[in-house]
């Protein structure tokens, strides 16, 4: 198994783990971790669409985490 493949499996496991989170804050933190791991996977594998997707998701998850920490969550 190559290093990039291992990083991809770790990133996928982190996404799977987000579905077990009860707390929205912990879900966002785990999602951010998975986004960073997927960005590494995409860079290692030259996977541009995955890179673009997870950069966008990283920004969205960071924004939503900040909103929830401030109590600014609106539907």
C-alpha atoms as a PDB file:
ATOM      1  CA  UNK A   1       0.000   0.000   0.000  1.00  0.00           C
ATOM      2  CA  UNK A   2       1.356   3.388  -0.986  1.00  0.00           C
ATOM      3  CA  UNK A   3       1.502   6.345   1.395  1.00  0.00           C
ATOM      4  CA  UNK A   4      -1.133   8.274  -0.583  1.00  0.00           C
ATOM      5  CA  UNK A   5      -3.488   5.302  -0.420  1.00  0.00           C
ATOM      6  CA  UNK A   6      -3.065   5.090   3.359  1.00  0.00           C
ATOM      7  CA  UNK A   7      -3.808   8.821   3.694  1.00  0.00           C
ATOM      8  CA  UNK A   8      -6.966   8.288   1.604  1.00  0.00           C
ATOM      9  CA  UNK A   9      -8.148   5.499   3.913  1.00  0.00           C
ATOM     10  CA  UNK A  10      -7.504   7.632   6.995  1.00  0.00           C
ATOM     11  CA  UNK A  11      -9.432  10.534   5.435  1.00  0.00           C
ATOM     12  CA  UNK A  12     -12.335   8.223   4.606  1.00  0.00           C
ATOM     13  CA  UNK A  13     -12.357   6.830   8.154  1.00  0.00           C
ATOM     14  CA  UNK A  14     -12.522  10.368   9.529  1.00  0.00           C
ATOM     15  CA  UNK A  15     -15.542  11.146   7.338  1.00  0.00           C
ATOM     16  CA  UNK A  16     -17.185   7.949   8.572  1.00  0.00           C
ATOM     17  CA  UNK A  17     -16.455   8.939  12.179  1.00  0.00           C
ATOM     18  CA  UNK A  18     -18.286  12.261  11.748  1.00  0.00           C
ATOM     19  CA  UNK A  19     -21.533  10.313  11.530  1.00  0.00           C
ATOM     20  CA  UNK A  20     -21.042   9.155  15.137  1.00  0.00           C
ATOM     21  CA  UNK A  21     -20.701  12.644  16.585  1.00  0.00           C
ATOM     22  CA  UNK A  22     -23.476  13.879  18.860  1.00  0.00           C
ATOM     23  CA  UNK A  23     -22.051  17.368  19.248  1.00  0.00           C
ATOM     24  CA  UNK A  24     -22.116  19.746  16.308  1.00  0.00           C
ATOM     25  CA  UNK A  25     -18.841  21.299  17.467  1.00  0.00           C
ATOM     26  CA  UNK A  26     -17.053  17.944  17.535  1.00  0.00           C
ATOM     27  CA  UNK A  27     -18.571  17.054  14.163  1.00  0.00           C
ATOM     28  CA  UNK A  28     -17.126  20.245  12.635  1.00  0.00           C
ATOM     29  CA  UNK A  29     -13.711  19.676  14.228  1.00  0.00           C
ATOM     30  CA  UNK A  30     -13.599  16.124  12.901  1.00  0.00           C
ATOM     31  CA  UNK A  31     -14.846  17.302   9.496  1.00  0.00           C
ATOM     32  CA  UNK A  32     -12.054  19.903   9.394  1.00  0.00           C
ATOM     33  CA  UNK A  33      -9.528  17.184  10.207  1.00  0.00           C
ATOM     34  CA  UNK A  34     -10.925  15.010   7.437  1.00  0.00           C
ATOM     35  CA  UNK A  35     -10.788  17.935   4.990  1.00  0.00           C
ATOM     36  CA  UNK A  36      -7.117  18.540   5.770  1.00  0.00           C
ATOM     37  CA  UNK A  37      -6.399  14.820   5.344  1.00  0.00           C
ATOM     38  CA  UNK A  38      -8.288  14.693   2.035  1.00  0.00           C
ATOM     39  CA  UNK A  39      -6.344  17.755   0.846  1.00  0.00           C
ATOM     40  CA  UNK A  40      -3.109  15.889   1.590  1.00  0.00           C
ATOM     41  CA  UNK A  41      -4.460  12.804  -0.212  1.00  0.00           C
ATOM     42  CA  UNK A  42      -5.431  14.880  -3.249  1.00  0.00           C
ATOM     43  CA  UNK A  43      -2.026  16.563  -3.374  1.00  0.00           C
ATOM     44  CA  UNK A  44      -0.196  13.240  -3.093  1.00  0.00           C
ATOM     45  CA  UNK A  45      -2.327  11.656  -5.801  1.00  0.00           C
ATOM     46  CA  UNK A  46      -2.690  14.615  -8.147  1.00  0.00           C
ATOM     47  CA  UNK A  47      -6.473  14.526  -7.719  1.00  0.00           C
ATOM     48  CA  UNK A  48      -7.504  18.086  -8.579  1.00  0.00           C
ATOM     49  CA  UNK A  49     -11.329  17.701  -8.225  1.00  0.00           C
ATOM     50  CA  UNK A  50     -10.935  16.235  -4.722  1.00  0.00           C
ATOM     51  CA  UNK A  51      -8.488  19.001  -3.828  1.00  0.00           C
ATOM     52  CA  UNK A  52     -10.903  21.743  -4.915  1.00  0.00           C
ATOM     53  CA  UNK A  53     -13.850  20.094  -3.140  1.00  0.00           C
ATOM     54  CA  UNK A  54     -12.059  19.719   0.187  1.00  0.00           C
ATOM     55  CA  UNK A  55     -10.565  23.202   0.135  1.00  0.00           C
ATOM     56  CA  UNK A  56     -14.113  24.538  -0.298  1.00  0.00           C
ATOM     57  CA  UNK A  57     -15.424  22.212   2.438  1.00  0.00           C
ATOM     58  CA  UNK A  58     -12.573  23.226   4.746  1.00  0.00           C
ATOM     59  CA  UNK A  59     -13.570  26.881   4.436  1.00  0.00           C
ATOM     60  CA  UNK A  60     -17.257  26.069   4.908  1.00  0.00           C
ATOM     61  CA  UNK A  61     -16.644  23.872   7.958  1.00  0.00           C
ATOM     62  CA  UNK A  62     -14.344  26.485   9.524  1.00  0.00           C
ATOM     63  CA  UNK A  63     -16.961  29.195   8.972  1.00  0.00           C
ATOM     64  CA  UNK A  64     -19.749  27.053  10.448  1.00  0.00           C
ATOM     65  CA  UNK A  65     -17.588  26.100  13.435  1.00  0.00           C
ATOM     66  CA  UNK A  66     -16.893  29.766  14.164  1.00  0.00           C
ATOM     67  CA  UNK A  67     -20.609  30.549  13.843  1.00  0.00           C
ATOM     68  CA  UNK A  68     -21.570  27.779  16.252  1.00  0.00           C
ATOM     69  CA  UNK A  69     -18.929  28.867  18.761  1.00  0.00           C
ATOM     70  CA  UNK A  70     -20.331  32.413  18.661  1.00  0.00           C
ATOM     71  CA  UNK A  71     -23.929  31.204  18.844  1.00  0.00           C
ATOM     72  CA  UNK A  72     -24.728  32.736  15.439  1.00  0.00           C
ATOM     73  CA  UNK A  73     -26.267  29.633  13.858  1.00  0.00           C
ATOM     74  CA  UNK A  74     -29.273  30.480  11.727  1.00  0.00           C
ATOM     75  CA  UNK A  75     -31.222  28.091   9.510  1.00  0.00           C
END
